[in-house]
């Protein structure tokens, strides 16, 4: 087992990370991961988790066929069912249009320090 496989197994087993895959036949042709980040109860009234979306990938030969949209739709629906109303992502320049089509928008509410 590779280091990446071990890491993924441990995180998925822990329940704070979730993953969706899209298959065509017996082949996995795309995936996306969601990490649920807890918020401190105070000073927030609503402390539902923030969803961190990452590792979104569809194999090149399956792009533009709706697989990526289906993955993001399933992820967003699940997050809504959990009561999480905020999803964040650091998209690559190339993936911005896909995320925008799925309802993601730039936010004036976040600050970043590097």
PDB file of N, CA and C in Angstrom:
ATOM      1  N   UNK A   1       0.842  -1.172   0.000  1.00  0.00           N
ATOM      2  CA  UNK A   1       0.000   0.000   0.000  1.00  0.00           C
ATOM      3  C   UNK A   1       0.895   1.245   0.000  1.00  0.00           C
ATOM      4  N   UNK A   2       0.555   2.213  -0.854  1.00  0.00           N
ATOM      5  CA  UNK A   2       1.338   3.440  -0.919  1.00  0.00           C
ATOM      6  C   UNK A   2       1.024   4.343   0.267  1.00  0.00           C
ATOM      7  N   UNK A   3       1.877   5.321   0.482  1.00  0.00           N
ATOM      8  CA  UNK A   3       1.650   6.281   1.558  1.00  0.00           C
ATOM      9  C   UNK A   3       0.327   7.019   1.338  1.00  0.00           C
ATOM     10  N   UNK A   4       0.025   7.382   0.095  1.00  0.00           N
ATOM     11  CA  UNK A   4      -1.228   8.074  -0.207  1.00  0.00           C
ATOM     12  C   UNK A   4      -2.431   7.184   0.109  1.00  0.00           C
ATOM     13  N   UNK A   5      -2.361   5.911  -0.284  1.00  0.00           N
ATOM     14  CA  UNK A   5      -3.464   4.984   0.011  1.00  0.00           C
ATOM     15  C   UNK A   5      -3.681   4.857   1.508  1.00  0.00           C
ATOM     16  N   UNK A   6      -2.617   4.746   2.270  1.00  0.00           N
ATOM     17  CA  UNK A   6      -2.717   4.635   3.725  1.00  0.00           C
ATOM     18  C   UNK A   6      -3.354   5.887   4.320  1.00  0.00           C
ATOM     19  N   UNK A   7      -2.902   7.034   3.871  1.00  0.00           N
ATOM     20  CA  UNK A   7      -3.435   8.307   4.352  1.00  0.00           C
ATOM     21  C   UNK A   7      -4.936   8.393   4.085  1.00  0.00           C
ATOM     22  N   UNK A   8      -5.340   8.078   2.859  1.00  0.00           N
ATOM     23  CA  UNK A   8      -6.750   8.151   2.474  1.00  0.00           C
ATOM     24  C   UNK A   8      -7.584   7.177   3.303  1.00  0.00           C
ATOM     25  N   UNK A   9      -7.125   5.948   3.463  1.00  0.00           N
ATOM     26  CA  UNK A   9      -7.868   4.962   4.264  1.00  0.00           C
ATOM     27  C   UNK A   9      -8.073   5.456   5.691  1.00  0.00           C
ATOM     28  N   UNK A  10      -7.011   5.974   6.299  1.00  0.00           N
ATOM     29  CA  UNK A  10      -7.112   6.450   7.678  1.00  0.00           C
ATOM     30  C   UNK A  10      -8.098   7.607   7.799  1.00  0.00           C
ATOM     31  N   UNK A  11      -8.048   8.555   6.873  1.00  0.00           N
ATOM     32  CA  UNK A  11      -8.934   9.719   6.947  1.00  0.00           C
ATOM     33  C   UNK A  11     -10.384   9.335   6.678  1.00  0.00           C
ATOM     34  N   UNK A  12     -10.627   8.495   5.697  1.00  0.00           N
ATOM     35  CA  UNK A  12     -12.000   8.094   5.404  1.00  0.00           C
ATOM     36  C   UNK A  12     -12.588   7.274   6.548  1.00  0.00           C
ATOM     37  N   UNK A  13     -11.770   6.414   7.160  1.00  0.00           N
ATOM     38  CA  UNK A  13     -12.241   5.621   8.298  1.00  0.00           C
ATOM     39  C   UNK A  13     -12.586   6.493   9.497  1.00  0.00           C
ATOM     40  N   UNK A  14     -11.906   7.640   9.639  1.00  0.00           N
ATOM     41  CA  UNK A  14     -12.134   8.532  10.770  1.00  0.00           C
ATOM     42  C   UNK A  14     -13.417   9.339  10.669  1.00  0.00           C
ATOM     43  N   UNK A  15     -14.014   9.429   9.495  1.00  0.00           N
ATOM     44  CA  UNK A  15     -15.289  10.101   9.334  1.00  0.00           C
ATOM     45  C   UNK A  15     -15.242  11.602   9.105  1.00  0.00           C
ATOM     46  N   UNK A  16     -14.094  12.235   9.272  1.00  0.00           N
ATOM     47  CA  UNK A  16     -14.018  13.671   9.021  1.00  0.00           C
ATOM     48  C   UNK A  16     -13.776  13.972   7.544  1.00  0.00           C
ATOM     49  N   UNK A  17     -13.326  12.986   6.811  1.00  0.00           N
ATOM     50  CA  UNK A  17     -13.147  13.114   5.371  1.00  0.00           C
ATOM     51  C   UNK A  17     -14.166  12.214   4.680  1.00  0.00           C
ATOM     52  N   UNK A  18     -14.731  12.716   3.607  1.00  0.00           N
ATOM     53  CA  UNK A  18     -15.660  11.947   2.780  1.00  0.00           C
ATOM     54  C   UNK A  18     -15.159  12.012   1.345  1.00  0.00           C
ATOM     55  N   UNK A  19     -15.508  11.021   0.555  1.00  0.00           N
ATOM     56  CA  UNK A  19     -15.095  11.012  -0.850  1.00  0.00           C
ATOM     57  C   UNK A  19     -16.228  10.494  -1.716  1.00  0.00           C
ATOM     58  N   UNK A  20     -16.302  11.038  -2.910  1.00  0.00           N
ATOM     59  CA  UNK A  20     -17.238  10.562  -3.919  1.00  0.00           C
ATOM     60  C   UNK A  20     -16.421  10.148  -5.125  1.00  0.00           C
ATOM     61  N   UNK A  21     -16.843   9.088  -5.763  1.00  0.00           N
ATOM     62  CA  UNK A  21     -16.200   8.648  -7.000  1.00  0.00           C
ATOM     63  C   UNK A  21     -17.269   8.492  -8.062  1.00  0.00           C
ATOM     64  N   UNK A  22     -16.850   8.621  -9.288  1.00  0.00           N
ATOM     65  CA  UNK A  22     -17.726   8.338 -10.408  1.00  0.00           C
ATOM     66  C   UNK A  22     -17.080   7.204 -11.190  1.00  0.00           C
ATOM     67  N   UNK A  23     -17.902   6.232 -11.533  1.00  0.00           N
ATOM     68  CA  UNK A  23     -17.406   5.040 -12.220  1.00  0.00           C
ATOM     69  C   UNK A  23     -18.058   4.916 -13.589  1.00  0.00           C
ATOM     70  N   UNK A  24     -17.314   4.344 -14.470  1.00  0.00           N
ATOM     71  CA  UNK A  24     -17.847   3.943 -15.775  1.00  0.00           C
ATOM     72  C   UNK A  24     -17.442   2.500 -15.941  1.00  0.00           C
ATOM     73  N   UNK A  25     -18.418   1.626 -15.849  1.00  0.00           N
ATOM     74  CA  UNK A  25     -18.100   0.208 -15.804  1.00  0.00           C
ATOM     75  C   UNK A  25     -17.407  -0.074 -14.487  1.00  0.00           C
ATOM     76  N   UNK A  26     -16.289  -0.749 -14.540  1.00  0.00           N
ATOM     77  CA  UNK A  26     -15.525  -1.066 -13.333  1.00  0.00           C
ATOM     78  C   UNK A  26     -14.403  -0.068 -13.077  1.00  0.00           C
ATOM     79  N   UNK A  27     -14.360   1.004 -13.867  1.00  0.00           N
ATOM     80  CA  UNK A  27     -13.263   1.954 -13.774  1.00  0.00           C
ATOM     81  C   UNK A  27     -13.690   3.226 -13.035  1.00  0.00           C
ATOM     82  N   UNK A  28     -12.895   3.619 -12.056  1.00  0.00           N
ATOM     83  CA  UNK A  28     -13.108   4.904 -11.404  1.00  0.00           C
ATOM     84  C   UNK A  28     -12.530   5.961 -12.327  1.00  0.00           C
ATOM     85  N   UNK A  29     -13.368   6.894 -12.744  1.00  0.00           N
ATOM     86  CA  UNK A  29     -12.887   7.903 -13.690  1.00  0.00           C
ATOM     87  C   UNK A  29     -12.879   9.311 -13.099  1.00  0.00           C
ATOM     88  N   UNK A  30     -13.276   9.448 -11.837  1.00  0.00           N
ATOM     89  CA  UNK A  30     -13.206  10.750 -11.201  1.00  0.00           C
ATOM     90  C   UNK A  30     -13.486  10.650  -9.717  1.00  0.00           C
ATOM     91  N   UNK A  31     -13.060  11.681  -8.974  1.00  0.00           N
ATOM     92  CA  UNK A  31     -13.296  11.696  -7.525  1.00  0.00           C
ATOM     93  C   UNK A  31     -13.218  13.121  -7.001  1.00  0.00           C
ATOM     94  N   UNK A  32     -13.770  13.309  -5.813  1.00  0.00           N
ATOM     95  CA  UNK A  32     -13.669  14.567  -5.081  1.00  0.00           C
ATOM     96  C   UNK A  32     -13.742  14.244  -3.595  1.00  0.00           C
ATOM     97  N   UNK A  33     -13.013  15.009  -2.784  1.00  0.00           N
ATOM     98  CA  UNK A  33     -12.968  14.794  -1.341  1.00  0.00           C
ATOM     99  C   UNK A  33     -13.538  16.007  -0.610  1.00  0.00           C
ATOM    100  N   UNK A  34     -14.128  15.738   0.532  1.00  0.00           N
ATOM    101  CA  UNK A  34     -14.683  16.779   1.396  1.00  0.00           C
ATOM    102  C   UNK A  34     -14.189  16.550   2.811  1.00  0.00           C
ATOM    103  N   UNK A  35     -13.601  17.574   3.389  1.00  0.00           N
ATOM    104  CA  UNK A  35     -13.171  17.524   4.791  1.00  0.00           C
ATOM    105  C   UNK A  35     -14.095  18.426   5.594  1.00  0.00           C
ATOM    106  N   UNK A  36     -14.674  17.882   6.638  1.00  0.00           N
ATOM    107  CA  UNK A  36     -15.561  18.656   7.499  1.00  0.00           C
ATOM    108  C   UNK A  36     -14.743  19.292   8.608  1.00  0.00           C
ATOM    109  N   UNK A  37     -14.711  20.615   8.612  1.00  0.00           N
ATOM    110  CA  UNK A  37     -13.927  21.372   9.585  1.00  0.00           C
ATOM    111  C   UNK A  37     -14.886  21.935  10.630  1.00  0.00           C
ATOM    112  N   UNK A  38     -14.707  21.492  11.871  1.00  0.00           N
ATOM    113  CA  UNK A  38     -15.567  21.983  12.948  1.00  0.00           C
ATOM    114  C   UNK A  38     -15.296  23.447  13.245  1.00  0.00           C
ATOM    115  N   UNK A  39     -16.347  24.140  13.640  1.00  0.00           N
ATOM    116  CA  UNK A  39     -16.198  25.515  14.096  1.00  0.00           C
ATOM    117  C   UNK A  39     -16.415  25.530  15.611  1.00  0.00           C
ATOM    118  N   UNK A  40     -15.715  26.392  16.282  1.00  0.00           N
ATOM    119  CA  UNK A  40     -15.868  26.536  17.724  1.00  0.00           C
ATOM    120  C   UNK A  40     -17.276  27.063  18.013  1.00  0.00           C
ATOM    121  N   UNK A  41     -18.004  26.478  18.970  1.00  0.00           N
ATOM    122  CA  UNK A  41     -19.384  26.908  19.238  1.00  0.00           C
ATOM    123  C   UNK A  41     -19.526  28.392  19.592  1.00  0.00           C
ATOM    124  N   UNK A  42     -18.638  28.944  20.375  1.00  0.00           N
ATOM    125  CA  UNK A  42     -18.712  30.366  20.689  1.00  0.00           C
ATOM    126  C   UNK A  42     -17.607  31.069  19.945  1.00  0.00           C
ATOM    127  N   UNK A  43     -17.842  32.173  19.379  1.00  0.00           N
ATOM    128  CA  UNK A  43     -18.970  33.078  19.462  1.00  0.00           C
ATOM    129  C   UNK A  43     -20.059  32.811  18.422  1.00  0.00           C
ATOM    130  N   UNK A  44     -19.968  31.731  17.686  1.00  0.00           N
ATOM    131  CA  UNK A  44     -20.959  31.445  16.650  1.00  0.00           C
ATOM    132  C   UNK A  44     -22.197  30.785  17.242  1.00  0.00           C
ATOM    133  N   UNK A  45     -23.367  31.242  16.821  1.00  0.00           N
ATOM    134  CA  UNK A  45     -24.594  30.530  17.192  1.00  0.00           C
ATOM    135  C   UNK A  45     -24.665  29.234  16.392  1.00  0.00           C
ATOM    136  N   UNK A  46     -24.326  29.357  15.129  1.00  0.00           N
ATOM    137  CA  UNK A  46     -24.366  28.208  14.225  1.00  0.00           C
ATOM    138  C   UNK A  46     -22.950  27.661  14.094  1.00  0.00           C
ATOM    139  N   UNK A  47     -22.732  26.474  14.603  1.00  0.00           N
ATOM    140  CA  UNK A  47     -21.389  25.910  14.510  1.00  0.00           C
ATOM    141  C   UNK A  47     -21.350  24.671  13.621  1.00  0.00           C
ATOM    142  N   UNK A  48     -22.203  24.658  12.596  1.00  0.00           N
ATOM    143  CA  UNK A  48     -22.138  23.548  11.645  1.00  0.00           C
ATOM    144  C   UNK A  48     -20.776  23.580  10.959  1.00  0.00           C
ATOM    145  N   UNK A  49     -20.290  22.443  10.541  1.00  0.00           N
ATOM    146  CA  UNK A  49     -18.944  22.413   9.955  1.00  0.00           C
ATOM    147  C   UNK A  49     -18.866  23.153   8.622  1.00  0.00           C
ATOM    148  N   UNK A  50     -17.685  23.640   8.348  1.00  0.00           N
ATOM    149  CA  UNK A  50     -17.366  24.211   7.042  1.00  0.00           C
ATOM    150  C   UNK A  50     -16.805  23.060   6.216  1.00  0.00           C
ATOM    151  N   UNK A  51     -17.192  22.969   4.976  1.00  0.00           N
ATOM    152  CA  UNK A  51     -16.702  21.909   4.111  1.00  0.00           C
ATOM    153  C   UNK A  51     -15.549  22.379   3.251  1.00  0.00           C
ATOM    154  N   UNK A  52     -14.428  21.695   3.350  1.00  0.00           N
ATOM    155  CA  UNK A  52     -13.251  21.982   2.527  1.00  0.00           C
ATOM    156  C   UNK A  52     -13.230  20.972   1.378  1.00  0.00           C
ATOM    157  N   UNK A  53     -13.399  21.454   0.172  1.00  0.00           N
ATOM    158  CA  UNK A  53     -13.449  20.614  -1.030  1.00  0.00           C
ATOM    159  C   UNK A  53     -12.052  20.545  -1.636  1.00  0.00           C
ATOM    160  N   UNK A  54     -11.598  19.327  -1.927  1.00  0.00           N
ATOM    161  CA  UNK A  54     -10.252  19.179  -2.477  1.00  0.00           C
ATOM    162  C   UNK A  54     -10.133  17.898  -3.290  1.00  0.00           C
ATOM    163  N   UNK A  55      -9.030  17.781  -3.967  1.00  0.00           N
ATOM    164  CA  UNK A  55      -8.675  16.574  -4.713  1.00  0.00           C
ATOM    165  C   UNK A  55      -9.743  16.180  -5.744  1.00  0.00           C
ATOM    166  N   UNK A  56     -10.284  17.186  -6.407  1.00  0.00           N
ATOM    167  CA  UNK A  56     -11.304  16.996  -7.438  1.00  0.00           C
ATOM    168  C   UNK A  56     -10.590  16.683  -8.749  1.00  0.00           C
ATOM    169  N   UNK A  57     -10.928  15.544  -9.340  1.00  0.00           N
ATOM    170  CA  UNK A  57     -10.242  15.137 -10.562  1.00  0.00           C
ATOM    171  C   UNK A  57     -11.146  14.233 -11.394  1.00  0.00           C
ATOM    172  N   UNK A  58     -11.155  14.485 -12.685  1.00  0.00           N
ATOM    173  CA  UNK A  58     -11.823  13.607 -13.648  1.00  0.00           C
ATOM    174  C   UNK A  58     -10.787  13.294 -14.723  1.00  0.00           C
ATOM    175  N   UNK A  59     -10.653  12.018 -15.047  1.00  0.00           N
ATOM    176  CA  UNK A  59      -9.686  11.607 -16.070  1.00  0.00           C
ATOM    177  C   UNK A  59      -9.986  12.347 -17.378  1.00  0.00           C
ATOM    178  N   UNK A  60      -8.945  12.762 -18.099  1.00  0.00           N
ATOM    179  CA  UNK A  60      -9.141  13.579 -19.308  1.00  0.00           C
ATOM    180  C   UNK A  60     -10.149  13.017 -20.306  1.00  0.00           C
ATOM    181  N   UNK A  61     -10.133  11.719 -20.518  1.00  0.00           N
ATOM    182  CA  UNK A  61     -11.046  11.149 -21.519  1.00  0.00           C
ATOM    183  C   UNK A  61     -12.512  11.171 -21.085  1.00  0.00           C
ATOM    184  N   UNK A  62     -12.771  11.495 -19.801  1.00  0.00           N
ATOM    185  CA  UNK A  62     -14.150  11.554 -19.297  1.00  0.00           C
ATOM    186  C   UNK A  62     -14.595  12.976 -18.981  1.00  0.00           C
ATOM    187  N   UNK A  63     -13.786  13.955 -19.314  1.00  0.00           N
ATOM    188  CA  UNK A  63     -14.153  15.343 -19.060  1.00  0.00           C
ATOM    189  C   UNK A  63     -15.201  15.816 -20.072  1.00  0.00           C
ATOM    190  N   UNK A  64     -15.970  16.798 -19.658  1.00  0.00           N
ATOM    191  CA  UNK A  64     -17.024  17.394 -20.487  1.00  0.00           C
ATOM    192  C   UNK A  64     -18.146  16.414 -20.813  1.00  0.00           C
ATOM    193  N   UNK A  65     -18.325  15.420 -19.946  1.00  0.00           N
ATOM    194  CA  UNK A  65     -19.416  14.455 -20.105  1.00  0.00           C
ATOM    195  C   UNK A  65     -20.392  14.519 -18.930  1.00  0.00           C
ATOM    196  N   UNK A  66     -20.189  15.465 -18.022  1.00  0.00           N
ATOM    197  CA  UNK A  66     -21.091  15.627 -16.883  1.00  0.00           C
ATOM    198  C   UNK A  66     -20.657  14.927 -15.610  1.00  0.00           C
ATOM    199  N   UNK A  67     -19.532  14.202 -15.658  1.00  0.00           N
ATOM    200  CA  UNK A  67     -19.080  13.470 -14.465  1.00  0.00           C
ATOM    201  C   UNK A  67     -18.654  14.419 -13.346  1.00  0.00           C
ATOM    202  N   UNK A  68     -17.895  15.456 -13.692  1.00  0.00           N
ATOM    203  CA  UNK A  68     -17.463  16.411 -12.682  1.00  0.00           C
ATOM    204  C   UNK A  68     -18.640  17.129 -12.056  1.00  0.00           C
ATOM    205  N   UNK A  69     -19.591  17.535 -12.872  1.00  0.00           N
ATOM    206  CA  UNK A  69     -20.789  18.205 -12.362  1.00  0.00           C
ATOM    207  C   UNK A  69     -21.557  17.282 -11.418  1.00  0.00           C
ATOM    208  N   UNK A  70     -21.646  16.006 -11.763  1.00  0.00           N
ATOM    209  CA  UNK A  70     -22.352  15.048 -10.905  1.00  0.00           C
ATOM    210  C   UNK A  70     -21.648  14.877  -9.559  1.00  0.00           C
ATOM    211  N   UNK A  71     -20.325  14.836  -9.584  1.00  0.00           N
ATOM    212  CA  UNK A  71     -19.567  14.724  -8.338  1.00  0.00           C
ATOM    213  C   UNK A  71     -19.827  15.926  -7.427  1.00  0.00           C
ATOM    214  N   UNK A  72     -19.728  17.131  -7.984  1.00  0.00           N
ATOM    215  CA  UNK A  72     -19.925  18.321  -7.175  1.00  0.00           C
ATOM    216  C   UNK A  72     -21.374  18.455  -6.707  1.00  0.00           C
ATOM    217  N   UNK A  73     -22.317  18.037  -7.522  1.00  0.00           N
ATOM    218  CA  UNK A  73     -23.729  18.054  -7.127  1.00  0.00           C
ATOM    219  C   UNK A  73     -23.966  17.125  -5.936  1.00  0.00           C
ATOM    220  N   UNK A  74     -23.410  15.922  -5.980  1.00  0.00           N
ATOM    221  CA  UNK A  74     -23.564  14.961  -4.879  1.00  0.00           C
ATOM    222  C   UNK A  74     -22.908  15.488  -3.604  1.00  0.00           C
ATOM    223  N   UNK A  75     -21.725  16.068  -3.742  1.00  0.00           N
ATOM    224  CA  UNK A  75     -21.024  16.625  -2.585  1.00  0.00           C
ATOM    225  C   UNK A  75     -21.834  17.760  -1.965  1.00  0.00           C
ATOM    226  N   UNK A  76     -22.339  18.676  -2.784  1.00  0.00           N
ATOM    227  CA  UNK A  76     -23.119  19.810  -2.261  1.00  0.00           C
ATOM    228  C   UNK A  76     -24.404  19.336  -1.601  1.00  0.00           C
ATOM    229  N   UNK A  77     -25.067  18.360  -2.185  1.00  0.00           N
ATOM    230  CA  UNK A  77     -26.301  17.844  -1.591  1.00  0.00           C
ATOM    231  C   UNK A  77     -26.016  17.234  -0.226  1.00  0.00           C
ATOM    232  N   UNK A  78     -24.952  16.466  -0.121  1.00  0.00           N
ATOM    233  CA  UNK A  78     -24.598  15.841   1.156  1.00  0.00           C
ATOM    234  C   UNK A  78     -24.270  16.907   2.201  1.00  0.00           C
ATOM    235  N   UNK A  79     -23.524  17.910   1.813  1.00  0.00           N
ATOM    236  CA  UNK A  79     -23.173  18.989   2.741  1.00  0.00           C
ATOM    237  C   UNK A  79     -24.433  19.698   3.238  1.00  0.00           C
ATOM    238  N   UNK A  80     -25.388  19.930   2.360  1.00  0.00           N
ATOM    239  CA  UNK A  80     -26.643  20.564   2.767  1.00  0.00           C
ATOM    240  C   UNK A  80     -27.404  19.684   3.744  1.00  0.00           C
ATOM    241  N   UNK A  81     -27.406  18.378   3.488  1.00  0.00           N
ATOM    242  CA  UNK A  81     -28.099  17.456   4.399  1.00  0.00           C
ATOM    243  C   UNK A  81     -27.468  17.456   5.788  1.00  0.00           C
ATOM    244  N   UNK A  82     -26.160  17.721   5.857  1.00  0.00           N
ATOM    245  CA  UNK A  82     -25.468  17.803   7.149  1.00  0.00           C
ATOM    246  C   UNK A  82     -25.702  19.147   7.832  1.00  0.00           C
ATOM    247  N   UNK A  83     -26.296  20.082   7.113  1.00  0.00           N
ATOM    248  CA  UNK A  83     -26.502  21.412   7.656  1.00  0.00           C
ATOM    249  C   UNK A  83     -25.353  22.353   7.396  1.00  0.00           C
ATOM    250  N   UNK A  84     -24.347  21.903   6.670  1.00  0.00           N
ATOM    251  CA  UNK A  84     -23.199  22.747   6.355  1.00  0.00           C
ATOM    252  C   UNK A  84     -23.578  23.665   5.204  1.00  0.00           C
ATOM    253  N   UNK A  85     -23.519  24.968   5.454  1.00  0.00           N
ATOM    254  CA  UNK A  85     -23.921  25.907   4.416  1.00  0.00           C
ATOM    255  C   UNK A  85     -22.747  26.618   3.765  1.00  0.00           C
ATOM    256  N   UNK A  86     -21.523  26.259   4.153  1.00  0.00           N
ATOM    257  CA  UNK A  86     -20.343  26.889   3.585  1.00  0.00           C
ATOM    258  C   UNK A  86     -19.388  25.811   3.070  1.00  0.00           C
ATOM    259  N   UNK A  87     -19.044  25.926   1.797  1.00  0.00           N
ATOM    260  CA  UNK A  87     -18.024  25.068   1.194  1.00  0.00           C
ATOM    261  C   UNK A  87     -16.927  25.976   0.668  1.00  0.00           C
ATOM    262  N   UNK A  88     -15.681  25.596   0.915  1.00  0.00           N
ATOM    263  CA  UNK A  88     -14.558  26.378   0.409  1.00  0.00           C
ATOM    264  C   UNK A  88     -13.661  25.479  -0.438  1.00  0.00           C
ATOM    265  N   UNK A  89     -12.982  26.105  -1.375  1.00  0.00           N
ATOM    266  CA  UNK A  89     -12.085  25.369  -2.254  1.00  0.00           C
ATOM    267  C   UNK A  89     -10.990  26.325  -2.713  1.00  0.00           C
ATOM    268  N   UNK A  90      -9.796  25.809  -2.904  1.00  0.00           N
ATOM    269  CA  UNK A  90      -8.706  26.543  -3.534  1.00  0.00           C
ATOM    270  C   UNK A  90      -8.536  25.921  -4.908  1.00  0.00           C
ATOM    271  N   UNK A  91      -9.248  26.435  -5.900  1.00  0.00           N
ATOM    272  CA  UNK A  91      -9.223  25.797  -7.216  1.00  0.00           C
ATOM    273  C   UNK A  91      -7.972  26.148  -8.014  1.00  0.00           C
ATOM    274  N   UNK A  92      -7.643  25.245  -8.906  1.00  0.00           N
ATOM    275  CA  UNK A  92      -6.616  25.577  -9.891  1.00  0.00           C
ATOM    276  C   UNK A  92      -7.264  26.544 -10.887  1.00  0.00           C
ATOM    277  N   UNK A  93      -6.452  27.264 -11.604  1.00  0.00           N
ATOM    278  CA  UNK A  93      -6.984  28.201 -12.596  1.00  0.00           C
ATOM    279  C   UNK A  93      -7.879  27.477 -13.606  1.00  0.00           C
ATOM    280  N   UNK A  94      -7.456  26.288 -13.972  1.00  0.00           N
ATOM    281  CA  UNK A  94      -8.203  25.501 -14.969  1.00  0.00           C
ATOM    282  C   UNK A  94      -9.559  25.019 -14.447  1.00  0.00           C
ATOM    283  N   UNK A  95      -9.668  24.777 -13.129  1.00  0.00           N
ATOM    284  CA  UNK A  95     -10.913  24.233 -12.586  1.00  0.00           C
ATOM    285  C   UNK A  95     -11.927  25.292 -12.174  1.00  0.00           C
ATOM    286  N   UNK A  96     -11.544  26.563 -12.184  1.00  0.00           N
ATOM    287  CA  UNK A  96     -12.469  27.628 -11.762  1.00  0.00           C
ATOM    288  C   UNK A  96     -13.803  27.573 -12.520  1.00  0.00           C
ATOM    289  N   UNK A  97     -13.818  27.436 -13.850  1.00  0.00           N
ATOM    290  CA  UNK A  97     -15.121  27.397 -14.545  1.00  0.00           C
ATOM    291  C   UNK A  97     -16.025  26.245 -14.083  1.00  0.00           C
ATOM    292  N   UNK A  98     -15.443  25.101 -13.787  1.00  0.00           N
ATOM    293  CA  UNK A  98     -16.239  23.954 -13.320  1.00  0.00           C
ATOM    294  C   UNK A  98     -16.890  24.282 -11.971  1.00  0.00           C
ATOM    295  N   UNK A  99     -16.097  24.822 -11.060  1.00  0.00           N
ATOM    296  CA  UNK A  99     -16.639  25.188  -9.749  1.00  0.00           C
ATOM    297  C   UNK A  99     -17.686  26.298  -9.874  1.00  0.00           C
ATOM    298  N   UNK A 100     -17.446  27.260 -10.722  1.00  0.00           N
ATOM    299  CA  UNK A 100     -18.420  28.346 -10.890  1.00  0.00           C
ATOM    300  C   UNK A 100     -19.737  27.807 -11.422  1.00  0.00           C
ATOM    301  N   UNK A 101     -19.685  26.880 -12.373  1.00  0.00           N
ATOM    302  CA  UNK A 101     -20.919  26.269 -12.899  1.00  0.00           C
ATOM    303  C   UNK A 101     -21.661  25.510 -11.802  1.00  0.00           C
ATOM    304  N   UNK A 102     -20.914  25.024 -10.803  1.00  0.00           N
ATOM    305  CA  UNK A 102     -21.524  24.271  -9.696  1.00  0.00           C
ATOM    306  C   UNK A 102     -22.001  25.195  -8.570  1.00  0.00           C
ATOM    307  N   UNK A 103     -21.894  26.504  -8.758  1.00  0.00           N
ATOM    308  CA  UNK A 103     -22.419  27.437  -7.772  1.00  0.00           C
ATOM    309  C   UNK A 103     -21.407  28.065  -6.835  1.00  0.00           C
ATOM    310  N   UNK A 104     -20.133  27.778  -6.995  1.00  0.00           N
ATOM    311  CA  UNK A 104     -19.102  28.386  -6.155  1.00  0.00           C
ATOM    312  C   UNK A 104     -18.827  29.805  -6.657  1.00  0.00           C
ATOM    313  N   UNK A 105     -18.644  30.732  -5.705  1.00  0.00           N
ATOM    314  CA  UNK A 105     -18.374  32.131  -6.034  1.00  0.00           C
ATOM    315  C   UNK A 105     -17.244  32.649  -5.154  1.00  0.00           C
ATOM    316  N   UNK A 106     -16.511  33.656  -5.636  1.00  0.00           N
ATOM    317  CA  UNK A 106     -15.490  34.288  -4.786  1.00  0.00           C
ATOM    318  C   UNK A 106     -16.159  34.882  -3.548  1.00  0.00           C
ATOM    319  N   UNK A 107     -15.442  34.878  -2.436  1.00  0.00           N
ATOM    320  CA  UNK A 107     -15.990  35.373  -1.196  1.00  0.00           C
ATOM    321  C   UNK A 107     -15.184  36.552  -0.666  1.00  0.00           C
ATOM    322  N   UNK A 108     -15.879  37.609  -0.276  1.00  0.00           N
ATOM    323  CA  UNK A 108     -15.176  38.719   0.386  1.00  0.00           C
ATOM    324  C   UNK A 108     -14.963  38.443   1.874  1.00  0.00           C
ATOM    325  N   UNK A 109     -15.421  37.293   2.357  1.00  0.00           N
ATOM    326  CA  UNK A 109     -15.405  36.987   3.788  1.00  0.00           C
ATOM    327  C   UNK A 109     -14.150  36.284   4.264  1.00  0.00           C
ATOM    328  N   UNK A 110     -13.289  35.859   3.361  1.00  0.00           N
ATOM    329  CA  UNK A 110     -12.103  35.100   3.770  1.00  0.00           C
ATOM    330  C   UNK A 110     -10.848  35.940   3.660  1.00  0.00           C
ATOM    331  N   UNK A 111      -9.950  35.719   4.567  1.00  0.00           N
ATOM    332  CA  UNK A 111      -8.617  36.310   4.502  1.00  0.00           C
ATOM    333  C   UNK A 111      -7.624  35.160   4.449  1.00  0.00           C
ATOM    334  N   UNK A 112      -6.476  35.414   3.876  1.00  0.00           N
ATOM    335  CA  UNK A 112      -5.469  34.375   3.740  1.00  0.00           C
ATOM    336  C   UNK A 112      -4.104  34.961   4.069  1.00  0.00           C
ATOM    337  N   UNK A 113      -3.300  34.217   4.783  1.00  0.00           N
ATOM    338  CA  UNK A 113      -1.919  34.599   5.047  1.00  0.00           C
ATOM    339  C   UNK A 113      -1.022  33.483   4.544  1.00  0.00           C
ATOM    340  N   UNK A 114       0.014  33.831   3.835  1.00  0.00           N
ATOM    341  CA  UNK A 114       0.946  32.824   3.316  1.00  0.00           C
ATOM    342  C   UNK A 114       2.299  33.061   3.894  1.00  0.00           C
TER     343      UNK A 114
END
